[in-house]
Amino acid sequence: MTRDHGSRARYVGGPDENDQPGRGCRCASCTEANRLDHQHRARMRLYGQWQPYVDAAPAREHARALSAAGIGRRRVADLAGISGGAVSRLLFGGPGDRPPTRRIRPETEARILGVKVAPAALSPGATVDATGTRRRLQALVACGYSKERLAARLGVTGGNLATSMEREQVIAATERAVRALYDELWDVPPDASGHREKISVTRARNYARDRDWPLPLAWDDDMIDDPAAKPAEGWRRSERTTFRSADLVEDAEFVREAGDYRTPNEIAVRLGVSRDRLDHAYIRAARQAGAEREAG
């Protein structure tokens, strides 16, 4: 365990000012922290408020609840900034036949109680519900990202990615990696600059459409992980395979005015077309409108 400089814990338990274990640190900041701690204790004793220890039961029950949620004792120790041995003694007792810790310092209790159940707190190998992971991957495929391209970005095989999209649970490391990739790509149209890229994008979108997979903007950020949540009404893209430029522009303006989709990238993703296609539609529609004005 690494103790920070400027703390009484490092003054007492080390490592020393040269980061050598076995003796306390006597640097200026740790010495000052020790002096201030002694002053605080003296004041609290004078006022009859000195409580060096508190009942360990609340911290123990919280640590057990964290364990049940997939946050093990070593992870609790890391997040709380205390030693693994302290958490082990709190839960199981020891060394030898000693019972679990009955009293702990208030600051230790505060650190343990401060660890909350959250995806970021889970150890990489802990299992979590796969709903959010599955929906994020499906949404990216609906945007036009092939499973092969997503697998390469995640550093896994296509088979492993397909399995992650079917399981009820995945490990926390996978959930975090997919979440980060989704945050990066959800409003970025996939590359369709070349012939092969265009085919890949079209196949991915058709694959998602056949399976009724929603686009990213069908999900609110606070709902995508909720197994009971449903995608927003009206999320499905048009079944038309071709668009007149004026029709596409009309749809884009409707999306812009009716929703929270303000950037061209967001609107293109919402309509299930590439940003390039949307830009060209605006250009062609403007030309057509100009030609109609001149003819009229």
C-alpha atoms as a PDB file:
ATOM      1  CA  MET A   1       0.000   0.000   0.000  1.00  0.00           C
ATOM      2  CA  THR A   2       1.306   3.499  -0.868  1.00  0.00           C
ATOM      3  CA  ARG A   3       0.661   6.227   1.695  1.00  0.00           C
ATOM      4  CA  ASP A   4       0.660   9.826   0.531  1.00  0.00           C
ATOM      5  CA  HIS A   5       3.133  12.404   1.768  1.00  0.00           C
ATOM      6  CA  GLY A   6       1.646  14.926   4.135  1.00  0.00           C
ATOM      7  CA  SER A   7      -0.217  12.350   6.228  1.00  0.00           C
ATOM      8  CA  ARG A   8       0.208  11.008   9.736  1.00  0.00           C
ATOM      9  CA  ALA A   9      -0.221   7.498   8.313  1.00  0.00           C
ATOM     10  CA  ARG A  10       3.007   7.883   6.363  1.00  0.00           C
ATOM     11  CA  TYR A  11       4.747   9.538   9.325  1.00  0.00           C
ATOM     12  CA  VAL A  12       3.945   6.462  11.428  1.00  0.00           C
ATOM     13  CA  GLY A  13       3.924   3.590   8.951  1.00  0.00           C
ATOM     14  CA  GLY A  14       6.149   4.735   6.121  1.00  0.00           C
ATOM     15  CA  PRO A  15       7.592   4.336   3.630  1.00  0.00           C
ATOM     16  CA  ASP A  16      10.231   6.896   4.549  1.00  0.00           C
ATOM     17  CA  GLU A  17      11.140  10.033   2.593  1.00  0.00           C
ATOM     18  CA  ASN A  18      13.227   7.893   0.204  1.00  0.00           C
ATOM     19  CA  ASP A  19      10.306   5.491  -0.391  1.00  0.00           C
ATOM     20  CA  GLN A  20      12.029   2.770   1.609  1.00  0.00           C
ATOM     21  CA  PRO A  21       9.632   0.629   3.663  1.00  0.00           C
ATOM     22  CA  GLY A  22      10.137  -0.255   7.294  1.00  0.00           C
ATOM     23  CA  ARG A  23      10.200   3.146   8.967  1.00  0.00           C
ATOM     24  CA  GLY A  24       8.070   6.242   9.086  1.00  0.00           C
ATOM     25  CA  CYS A  25       8.588   9.261   6.896  1.00  0.00           C
ATOM     26  CA  ARG A  26      10.083  12.344   8.533  1.00  0.00           C
ATOM     27  CA  CYS A  27       9.829  14.765   5.640  1.00  0.00           C
ATOM     28  CA  ALA A  28       8.533  18.261   6.444  1.00  0.00           C
ATOM     29  CA  SER A  29       4.970  17.660   5.204  1.00  0.00           C
ATOM     30  CA  CYS A  30       4.525  14.353   7.060  1.00  0.00           C
ATOM     31  CA  THR A  31       6.039  15.810  10.252  1.00  0.00           C
ATOM     32  CA  GLU A  32       3.635  18.757  10.024  1.00  0.00           C
ATOM     33  CA  ALA A  33       0.686  16.404   9.470  1.00  0.00           C
ATOM     34  CA  ASN A  34       1.660  14.453  12.588  1.00  0.00           C
ATOM     35  CA  ARG A  35       1.929  17.669  14.622  1.00  0.00           C
ATOM     36  CA  LEU A  36      -1.506  18.889  13.471  1.00  0.00           C
ATOM     37  CA  ASP A  37      -3.015  15.498  14.263  1.00  0.00           C
ATOM     38  CA  HIS A  38      -1.675  15.645  17.823  1.00  0.00           C
ATOM     39  CA  GLN A  39      -3.113  19.151  18.228  1.00  0.00           C
ATOM     40  CA  HIS A  40      -6.490  17.963  16.966  1.00  0.00           C
ATOM     41  CA  ARG A  41      -6.516  15.038  19.396  1.00  0.00           C
ATOM     42  CA  ALA A  42      -5.599  17.299  22.307  1.00  0.00           C
ATOM     43  CA  ARG A  43      -8.455  19.701  21.477  1.00  0.00           C
ATOM     44  CA  MET A  44     -10.990  16.892  21.149  1.00  0.00           C
ATOM     45  CA  ARG A  45      -9.912  15.416  24.517  1.00  0.00           C
ATOM     46  CA  LEU A  46     -10.218  18.851  26.114  1.00  0.00           C
ATOM     47  CA  TYR A  47     -13.788  19.201  24.794  1.00  0.00           C
ATOM     48  CA  GLY A  48     -14.675  15.599  25.693  1.00  0.00           C
ATOM     49  CA  GLN A  49     -15.265  14.759  22.045  1.00  0.00           C
ATOM     50  CA  TRP A  50     -12.334  12.477  21.365  1.00  0.00           C
ATOM     51  CA  GLN A  51     -13.583   9.277  19.705  1.00  0.00           C
ATOM     52  CA  PRO A  52     -10.571   7.477  18.273  1.00  0.00           C
ATOM     53  CA  TYR A  53     -12.655   4.427  17.327  1.00  0.00           C
ATOM     54  CA  VAL A  54     -16.173   3.643  16.128  1.00  0.00           C
ATOM     55  CA  ASP A  55     -18.202   0.470  15.810  1.00  0.00           C
ATOM     56  CA  ALA A  56     -16.932  -1.544  12.828  1.00  0.00           C
ATOM     57  CA  ALA A  57     -20.320  -3.129  12.049  1.00  0.00           C
ATOM     58  CA  PRO A  58     -21.579  -0.474   9.558  1.00  0.00           C
ATOM     59  CA  ALA A  59     -18.330  -0.601   7.570  1.00  0.00           C
ATOM     60  CA  ARG A  60     -18.353  -4.416   7.648  1.00  0.00           C
ATOM     61  CA  GLU A  61     -21.928  -4.609   6.336  1.00  0.00           C
ATOM     62  CA  HIS A  62     -21.107  -2.120   3.597  1.00  0.00           C
ATOM     63  CA  ALA A  63     -18.048  -4.118   2.562  1.00  0.00           C
ATOM     64  CA  ARG A  64     -20.192  -7.262   2.420  1.00  0.00           C
ATOM     65  CA  ALA A  65     -22.757  -5.465   0.259  1.00  0.00           C
ATOM     66  CA  LEU A  66     -19.985  -4.324  -2.069  1.00  0.00           C
ATOM     67  CA  SER A  67     -18.715  -7.897  -2.307  1.00  0.00           C
ATOM     68  CA  ALA A  68     -22.194  -9.153  -3.178  1.00  0.00           C
ATOM     69  CA  ALA A  69     -22.322  -6.533  -5.948  1.00  0.00           C
ATOM     70  CA  GLY A  70     -19.051  -7.790  -7.428  1.00  0.00           C
ATOM     71  CA  ILE A  71     -16.565  -5.462  -5.720  1.00  0.00           C
ATOM     72  CA  GLY A  72     -14.210  -7.773  -3.819  1.00  0.00           C
ATOM     73  CA  ARG A  73     -12.227  -6.954  -0.698  1.00  0.00           C
ATOM     74  CA  ARG A  74      -8.983  -6.233  -2.581  1.00  0.00           C
ATOM     75  CA  ARG A  75     -10.803  -3.827  -4.866  1.00  0.00           C
ATOM     76  CA  VAL A  76     -12.488  -2.192  -1.856  1.00  0.00           C
ATOM     77  CA  ALA A  77      -9.080  -1.710  -0.259  1.00  0.00           C
ATOM     78  CA  ASP A  78      -7.681  -0.118  -3.430  1.00  0.00           C
ATOM     79  CA  LEU A  79     -10.632   2.240  -3.848  1.00  0.00           C
ATOM     80  CA  ALA A  80     -10.702   3.177  -0.164  1.00  0.00           C
ATOM     81  CA  GLY A  81      -6.960   3.733  -0.001  1.00  0.00           C
ATOM     82  CA  ILE A  82      -6.419   1.332   2.914  1.00  0.00           C
ATOM     83  CA  SER A  83      -4.531  -1.913   3.238  1.00  0.00           C
ATOM     84  CA  GLY A  84      -5.975  -5.199   2.053  1.00  0.00           C
ATOM     85  CA  GLY A  85      -5.157  -6.669   5.454  1.00  0.00           C
ATOM     86  CA  ALA A  86      -7.378  -4.113   7.189  1.00  0.00           C
ATOM     87  CA  VAL A  87     -10.356  -5.086   5.021  1.00  0.00           C
ATOM     88  CA  SER A  88      -9.607  -8.779   5.495  1.00  0.00           C
ATOM     89  CA  ARG A  89      -9.501  -8.398   9.284  1.00  0.00           C
ATOM     90  CA  LEU A  90     -12.723  -6.387   9.173  1.00  0.00           C
ATOM     91  CA  LEU A  91     -14.534  -9.154   7.276  1.00  0.00           C
ATOM     92  CA  PHE A  92     -12.905 -12.371   8.454  1.00  0.00           C
ATOM     93  CA  GLY A  93     -10.741 -11.649  11.486  1.00  0.00           C
ATOM     94  CA  GLY A  94      -7.227 -12.915  12.012  1.00  0.00           C
ATOM     95  CA  PRO A  95      -4.428 -13.438  12.169  1.00  0.00           C
ATOM     96  CA  GLY A  96      -4.979 -16.796  13.762  1.00  0.00           C
ATOM     97  CA  ASP A  97      -8.215 -17.181  15.675  1.00  0.00           C
ATOM     98  CA  ARG A  98      -8.833 -13.483  16.236  1.00  0.00           C
ATOM     99  CA  PRO A  99     -12.448 -12.446  15.551  1.00  0.00           C
ATOM    100  CA  PRO A 100     -13.362  -9.808  12.961  1.00  0.00           C
ATOM    101  CA  THR A 101     -12.406  -6.279  13.903  1.00  0.00           C
ATOM    102  CA  ARG A 102     -14.877  -4.766  16.353  1.00  0.00           C
ATOM    103  CA  ARG A 103     -13.725  -1.140  16.234  1.00  0.00           C
ATOM    104  CA  ILE A 104     -12.069   0.951  13.548  1.00  0.00           C
ATOM    105  CA  ARG A 105     -10.971   4.535  13.221  1.00  0.00           C
ATOM    106  CA  PRO A 106     -13.584   7.016  11.937  1.00  0.00           C
ATOM    107  CA  GLU A 107     -11.463   7.882   8.910  1.00  0.00           C
ATOM    108  CA  THR A 108     -11.249   4.194   7.961  1.00  0.00           C
ATOM    109  CA  GLU A 109     -15.016   3.873   8.260  1.00  0.00           C
ATOM    110  CA  ALA A 110     -15.517   6.976   6.102  1.00  0.00           C
ATOM    111  CA  ARG A 111     -13.226   5.623   3.387  1.00  0.00           C
ATOM    112  CA  ILE A 112     -14.991   2.250   3.246  1.00  0.00           C
ATOM    113  CA  LEU A 113     -18.458   3.796   3.292  1.00  0.00           C
ATOM    114  CA  GLY A 114     -17.301   6.128   0.520  1.00  0.00           C
ATOM    115  CA  VAL A 115     -16.874   3.241  -1.922  1.00  0.00           C
ATOM    116  CA  LYS A 116     -20.064   3.042  -3.975  1.00  0.00           C
ATOM    117  CA  VAL A 117     -21.471   0.351  -6.226  1.00  0.00           C
ATOM    118  CA  ALA A 118     -20.739   1.605  -9.753  1.00  0.00           C
ATOM    119  CA  PRO A 119     -19.403   0.042 -12.982  1.00  0.00           C
ATOM    120  CA  ALA A 120     -16.105   1.907 -12.611  1.00  0.00           C
ATOM    121  CA  ALA A 121     -15.581   0.419  -9.144  1.00  0.00           C
ATOM    122  CA  LEU A 122     -15.815  -3.192 -10.279  1.00  0.00           C
ATOM    123  CA  SER A 123     -12.672  -5.235 -10.754  1.00  0.00           C
ATOM    124  CA  PRO A 124     -11.977  -6.008 -14.440  1.00  0.00           C
ATOM    125  CA  GLY A 125     -12.954  -9.658 -14.055  1.00  0.00           C
ATOM    126  CA  ALA A 126     -16.243  -9.060 -12.230  1.00  0.00           C
ATOM    127  CA  THR A 127     -19.377 -10.042 -14.153  1.00  0.00           C
ATOM    128  CA  VAL A 128     -22.032  -7.449 -14.936  1.00  0.00           C
ATOM    129  CA  ASP A 129     -25.336  -7.360 -16.770  1.00  0.00           C
ATOM    130  CA  ALA A 130     -24.732  -7.322 -20.529  1.00  0.00           C
ATOM    131  CA  THR A 131     -27.780  -5.269 -21.527  1.00  0.00           C
ATOM    132  CA  GLY A 132     -25.908  -2.009 -22.053  1.00  0.00           C
ATOM    133  CA  THR A 133     -22.992  -3.720 -23.786  1.00  0.00           C
ATOM    134  CA  ARG A 134     -25.316  -5.533 -26.180  1.00  0.00           C
ATOM    135  CA  ARG A 135     -27.348  -2.430 -27.003  1.00  0.00           C
ATOM    136  CA  ARG A 136     -24.279  -0.289 -27.615  1.00  0.00           C
ATOM    137  CA  LEU A 137     -22.780  -2.819 -30.017  1.00  0.00           C
ATOM    138  CA  GLN A 138     -26.088  -3.263 -31.824  1.00  0.00           C
ATOM    139  CA  ALA A 139     -26.469   0.507 -32.160  1.00  0.00           C
ATOM    140  CA  LEU A 140     -23.002   0.866 -33.672  1.00  0.00           C
ATOM    141  CA  VAL A 141     -23.779  -1.877 -36.186  1.00  0.00           C
ATOM    142  CA  ALA A 142     -26.998  -0.017 -37.009  1.00  0.00           C
ATOM    143  CA  CYS A 143     -24.831   3.038 -37.757  1.00  0.00           C
ATOM    144  CA  GLY A 144     -22.881   0.987 -40.290  1.00  0.00           C
ATOM    145  CA  TYR A 145     -19.921  -0.301 -38.281  1.00  0.00           C
ATOM    146  CA  SER A 146     -19.405  -3.967 -39.117  1.00  0.00           C
ATOM    147  CA  LYS A 147     -18.837  -6.462 -36.344  1.00  0.00           C
ATOM    148  CA  GLU A 148     -15.399  -7.146 -37.768  1.00  0.00           C
ATOM    149  CA  ARG A 149     -14.463  -3.467 -37.584  1.00  0.00           C
ATOM    150  CA  LEU A 150     -15.763  -3.189 -34.021  1.00  0.00           C
ATOM    151  CA  ALA A 151     -13.945  -6.356 -32.976  1.00  0.00           C
ATOM    152  CA  ALA A 152     -10.686  -4.959 -34.353  1.00  0.00           C
ATOM    153  CA  ARG A 153     -11.165  -1.712 -32.439  1.00  0.00           C
ATOM    154  CA  LEU A 154     -11.808  -3.666 -29.241  1.00  0.00           C
ATOM    155  CA  GLY A 155      -8.858  -6.005 -29.795  1.00  0.00           C
ATOM    156  CA  VAL A 156     -10.978  -9.180 -29.803  1.00  0.00           C
ATOM    157  CA  THR A 157     -11.956 -11.740 -32.401  1.00  0.00           C
ATOM    158  CA  GLY A 158     -15.195 -11.515 -34.314  1.00  0.00           C
ATOM    159  CA  GLY A 159     -16.368 -14.675 -32.563  1.00  0.00           C
ATOM    160  CA  ASN A 160     -15.743 -13.196 -29.123  1.00  0.00           C
ATOM    161  CA  LEU A 161     -17.611 -10.050 -30.072  1.00  0.00           C
ATOM    162  CA  ALA A 162     -20.579 -12.051 -31.343  1.00  0.00           C
ATOM    163  CA  THR A 163     -20.612 -13.989 -28.080  1.00  0.00           C
ATOM    164  CA  SER A 164     -20.612 -10.752 -26.071  1.00  0.00           C
ATOM    165  CA  MET A 165     -23.676  -9.649 -28.019  1.00  0.00           C
ATOM    166  CA  GLU A 166     -25.555 -12.814 -27.024  1.00  0.00           C
ATOM    167  CA  ARG A 167     -24.593 -13.318 -23.372  1.00  0.00           C
ATOM    168  CA  GLU A 168     -26.640 -12.188 -20.406  1.00  0.00           C
ATOM    169  CA  GLN A 169     -23.481 -11.189 -18.538  1.00  0.00           C
ATOM    170  CA  VAL A 170     -20.031  -9.935 -19.519  1.00  0.00           C
ATOM    171  CA  ILE A 171     -16.952  -9.060 -17.517  1.00  0.00           C
ATOM    172  CA  ALA A 172     -16.529  -5.460 -16.383  1.00  0.00           C
ATOM    173  CA  ALA A 173     -13.445  -4.970 -18.576  1.00  0.00           C
ATOM    174  CA  THR A 174     -15.514  -5.756 -21.684  1.00  0.00           C
ATOM    175  CA  GLU A 175     -18.339  -3.485 -20.535  1.00  0.00           C
ATOM    176  CA  ARG A 176     -15.925  -0.575 -20.051  1.00  0.00           C
ATOM    177  CA  ALA A 177     -14.196  -1.120 -23.393  1.00  0.00           C
ATOM    178  CA  VAL A 178     -17.500  -1.214 -25.283  1.00  0.00           C
ATOM    179  CA  ARG A 179     -18.794   1.826 -23.405  1.00  0.00           C
ATOM    180  CA  ALA A 180     -15.651   3.813 -24.316  1.00  0.00           C
ATOM    181  CA  LEU A 181     -15.854   2.777 -27.976  1.00  0.00           C
ATOM    182  CA  TYR A 182     -19.537   3.683 -28.124  1.00  0.00           C
ATOM    183  CA  ASP A 183     -18.873   7.111 -26.603  1.00  0.00           C
ATOM    184  CA  GLU A 184     -16.248   7.644 -29.294  1.00  0.00           C
ATOM    185  CA  LEU A 185     -18.243   6.473 -32.334  1.00  0.00           C
ATOM    186  CA  TRP A 186     -21.969   6.889 -31.688  1.00  0.00           C
ATOM    187  CA  ASP A 187     -22.215  10.232 -33.531  1.00  0.00           C
ATOM    188  CA  VAL A 188     -19.427   9.620 -36.062  1.00  0.00           C
ATOM    189  CA  PRO A 189     -20.597   8.135 -39.404  1.00  0.00           C
ATOM    190  CA  PRO A 190     -18.416   5.177 -40.458  1.00  0.00           C
ATOM    191  CA  ASP A 191     -15.891   5.553 -43.244  1.00  0.00           C
ATOM    192  CA  ALA A 192     -17.537   4.914 -46.623  1.00  0.00           C
ATOM    193  CA  SER A 193     -14.929   6.570 -48.808  1.00  0.00           C
ATOM    194  CA  GLY A 194     -14.059   3.498 -50.865  1.00  0.00           C
ATOM    195  CA  HIS A 195     -16.018   0.805 -52.656  1.00  0.00           C
ATOM    196  CA  ARG A 196     -15.295  -1.868 -50.055  1.00  0.00           C
ATOM    197  CA  GLU A 197     -16.066   0.506 -47.221  1.00  0.00           C
ATOM    198  CA  LYS A 198     -19.422   1.415 -48.750  1.00  0.00           C
ATOM    199  CA  ILE A 199     -20.325  -2.261 -49.094  1.00  0.00           C
ATOM    200  CA  SER A 200     -19.313  -2.931 -45.485  1.00  0.00           C
ATOM    201  CA  VAL A 201     -21.400  -0.026 -44.192  1.00  0.00           C
ATOM    202  CA  THR A 202     -24.442  -1.027 -46.247  1.00  0.00           C
ATOM    203  CA  ARG A 203     -24.230  -4.655 -45.131  1.00  0.00           C
ATOM    204  CA  ALA A 204     -23.922  -3.661 -41.474  1.00  0.00           C
ATOM    205  CA  ARG A 205     -26.937  -1.363 -41.677  1.00  0.00           C
ATOM    206  CA  ASN A 206     -29.004  -3.976 -43.496  1.00  0.00           C
ATOM    207  CA  TYR A 207     -27.962  -6.606 -40.946  1.00  0.00           C
ATOM    208  CA  ALA A 208     -29.116  -4.351 -38.109  1.00  0.00           C
ATOM    209  CA  ARG A 209     -32.337  -3.388 -39.889  1.00  0.00           C
ATOM    210  CA  ASP A 210     -33.253  -7.044 -40.417  1.00  0.00           C
ATOM    211  CA  ARG A 211     -32.894  -7.590 -36.662  1.00  0.00           C
ATOM    212  CA  ASP A 212     -34.649  -4.360 -35.685  1.00  0.00           C
ATOM    213  CA  TRP A 213     -31.614  -3.006 -33.827  1.00  0.00           C
ATOM    214  CA  PRO A 214     -32.091   0.639 -32.761  1.00  0.00           C
ATOM    215  CA  LEU A 215     -29.736   3.453 -33.682  1.00  0.00           C
ATOM    216  CA  PRO A 216     -27.746   5.211 -30.908  1.00  0.00           C
ATOM    217  CA  LEU A 217     -30.077   8.190 -30.746  1.00  0.00           C
ATOM    218  CA  ALA A 218     -32.973   5.862 -29.936  1.00  0.00           C
ATOM    219  CA  TRP A 219     -31.470   5.507 -26.443  1.00  0.00           C
ATOM    220  CA  ASP A 220     -31.151   8.071 -23.684  1.00  0.00           C
ATOM    221  CA  ASP A 221     -27.815   7.784 -21.889  1.00  0.00           C
ATOM    222  CA  ASP A 222     -29.516   7.021 -18.584  1.00  0.00           C
ATOM    223  CA  MET A 223     -31.761   4.323 -20.085  1.00  0.00           C
ATOM    224  CA  ILE A 224     -29.540   2.248 -22.357  1.00  0.00           C
ATOM    225  CA  ASP A 225     -28.309   0.074 -19.458  1.00  0.00           C
ATOM    226  CA  ASP A 226     -31.796  -0.510 -18.028  1.00  0.00           C
ATOM    227  CA  PRO A 227     -33.113  -3.951 -19.082  1.00  0.00           C
ATOM    228  CA  ALA A 228     -36.693  -2.694 -18.722  1.00  0.00           C
ATOM    229  CA  ALA A 229     -36.172   0.376 -20.931  1.00  0.00           C
ATOM    230  CA  LYS A 230     -37.460   0.613 -24.494  1.00  0.00           C
ATOM    231  CA  PRO A 231     -36.011   2.645 -27.371  1.00  0.00           C
ATOM    232  CA  ALA A 232     -37.633   5.995 -28.124  1.00  0.00           C
ATOM    233  CA  GLU A 233     -40.753   5.919 -30.253  1.00  0.00           C
ATOM    234  CA  GLY A 234     -40.245   6.643 -33.932  1.00  0.00           C
ATOM    235  CA  TRP A 235     -36.583   5.632 -33.927  1.00  0.00           C
ATOM    236  CA  ARG A 236     -36.797   3.403 -36.984  1.00  0.00           C
ATOM    237  CA  ARG A 237     -35.263   4.880 -40.108  1.00  0.00           C
ATOM    238  CA  SER A 238     -37.334   5.141 -43.263  1.00  0.00           C
ATOM    239  CA  GLU A 239     -37.789   1.961 -45.273  1.00  0.00           C
ATOM    240  CA  ARG A 240     -37.131   3.882 -48.497  1.00  0.00           C
ATOM    241  CA  THR A 241     -34.023   2.643 -50.256  1.00  0.00           C
ATOM    242  CA  THR A 242     -33.571   5.897 -52.214  1.00  0.00           C
ATOM    243  CA  PHE A 243     -34.211   9.513 -51.373  1.00  0.00           C
ATOM    244  CA  ARG A 244     -34.904  12.516 -53.500  1.00  0.00           C
ATOM    245  CA  SER A 245     -32.570  15.201 -52.248  1.00  0.00           C
ATOM    246  CA  ALA A 246     -35.485  17.443 -51.312  1.00  0.00           C
ATOM    247  CA  ASP A 247     -37.091  14.617 -49.309  1.00  0.00           C
ATOM    248  CA  LEU A 248     -33.883  13.891 -47.437  1.00  0.00           C
ATOM    249  CA  VAL A 249     -33.370  17.573 -46.639  1.00  0.00           C
ATOM    250  CA  GLU A 250     -36.979  17.824 -45.471  1.00  0.00           C
ATOM    251  CA  ASP A 251     -36.468  14.852 -43.155  1.00  0.00           C
ATOM    252  CA  ALA A 252     -33.212  16.352 -41.859  1.00  0.00           C
ATOM    253  CA  GLU A 253     -34.865  19.668 -41.068  1.00  0.00           C
ATOM    254  CA  PHE A 254     -37.690  17.873 -39.298  1.00  0.00           C
ATOM    255  CA  VAL A 255     -35.188  15.986 -37.143  1.00  0.00           C
ATOM    256  CA  ARG A 256     -33.304  19.211 -36.411  1.00  0.00           C
ATOM    257  CA  GLU A 257     -36.446  21.042 -35.304  1.00  0.00           C
ATOM    258  CA  ALA A 258     -38.159  18.188 -33.460  1.00  0.00           C
ATOM    259  CA  GLY A 259     -35.284  16.692 -31.490  1.00  0.00           C
ATOM    260  CA  ASP A 260     -32.017  17.361 -29.753  1.00  0.00           C
ATOM    261  CA  TYR A 261     -30.011  16.472 -32.848  1.00  0.00           C
ATOM    262  CA  ARG A 262     -28.223  19.687 -33.800  1.00  0.00           C
ATOM    263  CA  THR A 263     -25.028  18.739 -35.595  1.00  0.00           C
ATOM    264  CA  PRO A 264     -24.946  17.350 -39.154  1.00  0.00           C
ATOM    265  CA  ASN A 265     -23.280  14.184 -37.867  1.00  0.00           C
ATOM    266  CA  GLU A 266     -26.065  13.556 -35.358  1.00  0.00           C
ATOM    267  CA  ILE A 267     -28.752  14.154 -37.977  1.00  0.00           C
ATOM    268  CA  ALA A 268     -27.055  11.860 -40.498  1.00  0.00           C
ATOM    269  CA  VAL A 269     -26.803   9.062 -37.933  1.00  0.00           C
ATOM    270  CA  ARG A 270     -30.436   9.575 -36.937  1.00  0.00           C
ATOM    271  CA  LEU A 271     -31.560   9.268 -40.563  1.00  0.00           C
ATOM    272  CA  GLY A 272     -29.289   6.319 -41.255  1.00  0.00           C
ATOM    273  CA  VAL A 273     -27.308   7.997 -44.029  1.00  0.00           C
ATOM    274  CA  SER A 274     -23.716   9.106 -44.341  1.00  0.00           C
ATOM    275  CA  ARG A 275     -22.685  12.679 -43.570  1.00  0.00           C
ATOM    276  CA  ASP A 276     -21.400  12.981 -47.143  1.00  0.00           C
ATOM    277  CA  ARG A 277     -24.760  11.910 -48.535  1.00  0.00           C
ATOM    278  CA  LEU A 278     -26.599  14.421 -46.378  1.00  0.00           C
ATOM    279  CA  ASP A 279     -24.259  17.256 -47.407  1.00  0.00           C
ATOM    280  CA  HIS A 280     -24.734  16.446 -51.085  1.00  0.00           C
ATOM    281  CA  ALA A 281     -28.498  16.308 -50.603  1.00  0.00           C
ATOM    282  CA  TYR A 282     -28.472  19.880 -49.295  1.00  0.00           C
ATOM    283  CA  ILE A 283     -26.334  20.992 -52.250  1.00  0.00           C
ATOM    284  CA  ARG A 284     -28.558  19.284 -54.818  1.00  0.00           C
ATOM    285  CA  ALA A 285     -31.738  20.540 -53.146  1.00  0.00           C
ATOM    286  CA  ALA A 286     -30.423  24.095 -53.216  1.00  0.00           C
ATOM    287  CA  ARG A 287     -29.561  23.784 -56.886  1.00  0.00           C
ATOM    288  CA  GLN A 288     -32.985  22.366 -57.663  1.00  0.00           C
ATOM    289  CA  ALA A 289     -34.716  25.155 -55.761  1.00  0.00           C
ATOM    290  CA  GLY A 290     -32.650  27.742 -57.638  1.00  0.00           C
ATOM    291  CA  ALA A 291     -33.497  26.179 -60.963  1.00  0.00           C
ATOM    292  CA  GLU A 292     -37.186  26.170 -60.098  1.00  0.00           C
ATOM    293  CA  ARG A 293     -37.062  29.864 -59.125  1.00  0.00           C
ATOM    294  CA  GLU A 294     -35.395  30.767 -62.412  1.00  0.00           C
ATOM    295  CA  ALA A 295     -37.930  28.739 -64.385  1.00  0.00           C
ATOM    296  CA  GLY A 296     -40.802  30.361 -62.507  1.00  0.00           C
END
